[in-house]
Structures are given as C-alpha cells and as structure tokens.
Protein backbone atom coordinates (compact mmCIF):
# COMPACT_ATOMS: atom_id res chain seq x y z
CA ILE A 1 -29.50 -25.11 4.05
CA ALA A 2 -30.08 -23.88 0.55
CA ALA A 3 -32.25 -26.97 -1.62
CA GLU A 4 -31.07 -25.41 -4.85
CA PRO A 5 -28.28 -23.32 -6.63
CA VAL A 6 -28.28 -19.99 -6.09
CA LYS A 7 -26.73 -17.49 -8.51
CA LEU A 8 -24.35 -15.91 -6.88
CA SER A 9 -24.92 -12.35 -8.74
CA SER A 10 -28.52 -12.75 -7.13
CA ILE A 11 -26.53 -12.03 -3.65
CA LYS A 12 -25.83 -8.13 -2.72
CA VAL A 13 -22.45 -6.81 -2.70
CA SER A 14 -21.68 -5.71 0.64
CA ASN A 15 -18.52 -4.01 -0.54
CA SER A 16 -16.06 -4.16 -2.59
CA ASN A 17 -13.02 -3.19 -4.31
CA ASP A 18 -11.60 -2.98 -8.34
CA PHE A 19 -14.98 -5.99 -8.72
CA GLU A 20 -17.75 -5.59 -10.83
CA GLN A 21 -20.61 -7.44 -11.89
CA ILE A 22 -20.62 -8.00 -15.92
CA THR A 23 -25.23 -7.46 -17.20
CA GLU A 24 -24.96 -5.83 -20.99
CA THR A 25 -22.45 -7.85 -23.13
CA SER A 26 -20.79 -11.14 -23.50
CA VAL A 27 -16.83 -10.96 -22.81
CA GLU A 28 -13.91 -12.76 -23.92
CA ASP A 29 -11.18 -14.68 -22.37
CA SER A 30 -7.44 -14.73 -23.56
CA LEU A 31 -7.96 -18.49 -24.94
CA GLY A 32 -10.84 -16.90 -26.75
CA ASN A 33 -13.61 -18.35 -24.78
CA LEU A 34 -17.29 -16.09 -24.95
CA TYR A 35 -18.96 -15.69 -21.80
CA SER A 36 -22.46 -14.53 -21.31
CA PRO A 37 -23.08 -11.34 -19.01
CA GLY A 38 -25.13 -12.01 -16.03
CA ASN A 39 -24.09 -13.88 -13.54
CA LEU A 40 -20.57 -13.09 -14.52
CA PHE A 41 -17.96 -10.96 -12.69
CA LYS A 42 -14.88 -9.29 -13.30
CA ALA A 43 -11.79 -8.69 -11.39
CA ASN A 44 -8.68 -6.05 -11.20
CA CYS A 45 -6.04 -6.11 -9.66
CA TRP A 46 -2.31 -4.07 -10.39
CA SER A 47 0.95 -3.65 -8.34
CA ASP A 48 -0.22 -3.42 -4.73
CA ARG A 49 -3.67 -3.11 -5.20
CA VAL A 50 -6.25 -5.91 -4.70
CA GLY A 51 -9.63 -6.54 -6.49
CA TYR A 52 -12.32 -8.48 -4.04
CA GLY A 53 -16.24 -8.30 -3.57
CA GLU A 54 -17.59 -9.64 -0.63
CA PHE A 55 -20.71 -10.88 -0.13
CA PHE A 56 -22.99 -12.39 3.14
CA MET A 57 -24.15 -15.86 3.16
CA GLY A 58 -25.70 -16.39 6.48
CA SER A 59 -24.60 -19.68 7.08
CA LYS A 60 -27.21 -20.90 4.81
CA TYR A 61 -24.76 -22.65 2.15
CA LYS A 62 -22.20 -25.86 2.27
CA LYS A 63 -20.17 -24.92 -1.25
CA LEU A 64 -18.83 -22.29 -3.70
CA THR A 65 -18.49 -23.20 -7.45
CA GLY A 66 -17.71 -21.32 -10.35
CA THR A 67 -15.80 -21.10 -13.35
CA ILE A 68 -12.73 -18.37 -13.39
CA ALA A 69 -10.64 -17.65 -16.51
CA THR A 70 -8.22 -15.02 -17.75
CA ALA A 71 -10.02 -11.55 -19.02
CA ASP A 72 -9.16 -10.89 -22.37
CA ASP A 73 -7.82 -7.33 -22.03
CA SER A 74 -5.84 -9.26 -18.87
CA LYS A 75 -1.68 -7.92 -19.33
CA ASP A 76 0.74 -11.19 -19.23
CA ILE A 77 1.12 -10.64 -15.69
CA ASP A 78 0.01 -13.73 -13.16
CA CYS A 79 -2.54 -13.20 -11.15
CA ARG A 80 -3.86 -15.40 -7.98
CA ILE A 81 -7.90 -16.03 -6.94
CA GLU A 82 -7.66 -16.34 -3.44
CA ILE A 83 -11.63 -17.28 -1.67
CA TYR A 84 -11.67 -16.70 1.98
CA VAL A 85 -14.19 -17.26 4.95
CA GLY A 86 -15.24 -15.57 8.21
CA ASN A 87 -17.54 -15.12 10.41
CA ASN A 88 -16.87 -11.76 10.26
CA THR A 89 -14.97 -9.37 7.51
CA LYS A 90 -12.18 -8.57 9.93
CA ASP A 91 -11.26 -11.61 10.45
CA MET A 92 -10.95 -13.77 7.64
CA THR A 93 -8.98 -17.37 6.65
CA MET A 94 -7.75 -18.31 2.71
CA LYS A 95 -9.62 -22.00 1.94
CA GLU A 96 -8.11 -22.17 -1.70
CA SER A 97 -6.07 -20.57 -4.28
CA TYR A 98 -5.54 -19.98 -7.99
CA THR A 99 -3.04 -18.73 -10.00
CA LEU A 100 -3.54 -17.69 -13.81
CA SER A 101 -2.13 -16.27 -16.69
CA ARG A 102 -2.69 -15.48 -20.41
CA THR A 103 -1.63 -18.59 -20.63
CA THR A 104 -3.95 -20.59 -18.18
CA LYS A 105 -6.87 -22.74 -19.20
CA PRO A 106 -10.36 -21.60 -17.50
CA GLN A 107 -10.40 -23.89 -13.59
CA ASN A 108 -13.12 -24.87 -12.06
CA VAL A 109 -13.99 -23.35 -8.27
CA ASP A 110 -15.61 -25.87 -5.72
CA VAL A 111 -15.26 -24.80 -1.98
CA ASP A 112 -16.36 -25.45 0.96
CA ILE A 113 -18.12 -22.45 3.05
CA THR A 114 -19.85 -24.36 5.81
CA GLY A 115 -21.72 -22.78 8.23
CA TYR A 116 -19.28 -18.90 7.41
CA GLU A 117 -21.38 -15.75 7.56
CA TRP A 118 -19.44 -14.46 4.86
CA ILE A 119 -16.90 -15.37 1.78
CA LYS A 120 -14.42 -12.55 0.38
CA ILE A 121 -13.41 -13.73 -3.71
CA GLN A 122 -10.00 -11.57 -4.16
CA LEU A 123 -7.56 -10.80 -6.99
CA VAL A 124 -3.76 -10.96 -6.49
CA SER A 125 -1.00 -9.62 -8.63
CA VAL A 126 1.59 -12.24 -8.01
CA GLU A 127 4.44 -9.81 -9.36
CA ASN A 128 3.69 -6.73 -8.52
CA ARG A 129 4.20 -5.23 -11.23
CA TYR A 130 2.54 -1.72 -12.47
CA ASP A 131 0.18 -3.99 -14.79
CA THR A 132 -3.16 -4.66 -14.86
CA GLY A 133 -4.52 -8.70 -14.62
CA SER A 134 -8.24 -9.17 -15.03
CA VAL A 135 -10.05 -12.30 -14.01
CA LEU A 136 -13.87 -12.99 -15.02
CA LEU A 137 -15.88 -15.20 -12.59
CA SER A 138 -17.85 -16.85 -14.92
CA ASP A 139 -21.21 -18.50 -13.18
CA PHE A 140 -20.42 -18.84 -9.49
CA TYR A 141 -22.99 -20.61 -7.34
CA VAL A 142 -23.66 -21.82 -3.66
CA LYS A 143 -25.87 -24.05 -2.56
C-alpha cells in the first residue's frame, strides 16, 4: 500500500477515448475557477459517445480523491462522471457517480478502491443530446 499520495497523472492511462491530460495552460470551469495544468484531465461526451480513461492500480491503493468541475467550453447539458473498479477491464462495477451541469459547483470525489486492479473514470451524457459535455478532473490522487 502506498505511503504517500500519488498523482493520477503519474500513472499511465492504459486505455482511453475523449480523455486527455491538460499539460500546457490553465483552464477555466463554467463558474470561473482556474485549474493548473499537470495533474489535470478533461473528459468529453457527446450523445451516446462516452469519454473515459482506464488506469492500472495493481491493488496498491485504497482511495481515489480529486475534484470534478464542468469545463467552461462544455455545452449546457447534464453529464455524469462514473467511477468504476474491477480486477479486469471487462468486468467492472460502478462505485460512484456524480452529475454535473454548467451551474454545478465543483464536487469532491472520494472513492474506496481498496483491493482493485483497475479503475475507469468515464463521462456520459445524461440527456443523450448532440452537444458536447466536458468535465475537468483536477488534482486526482490515489493513496
């Protein structure tokens, strides 16, 4: 078990779609808060297309923590961040979900991942509209 918190950005993204690390410039959420690049990801969803990132944890960590917020370039649709855990990527269980819109304050994420090999963070459109929803994942750590 890890003694010090580990930045999620220091762990390889093993598989992803519409899920990117922001490394160059600060980005703004829909309420005007700024987020520094580095340990920062952005996920996008559109209609039935899901944005996701899968990370290998190797059963080394107990907790996943961070902050999620609607990106300023997101359309005005409801999106849901879903956090899955499992011992392989084909058979995963949803542990937590968080619904966001352009008027939602940033939310803290705190998920028990004890004993799991894999985590998957995905963004889905609640409304299934042909508009892009974007969410920022800031300062995510595993410990």
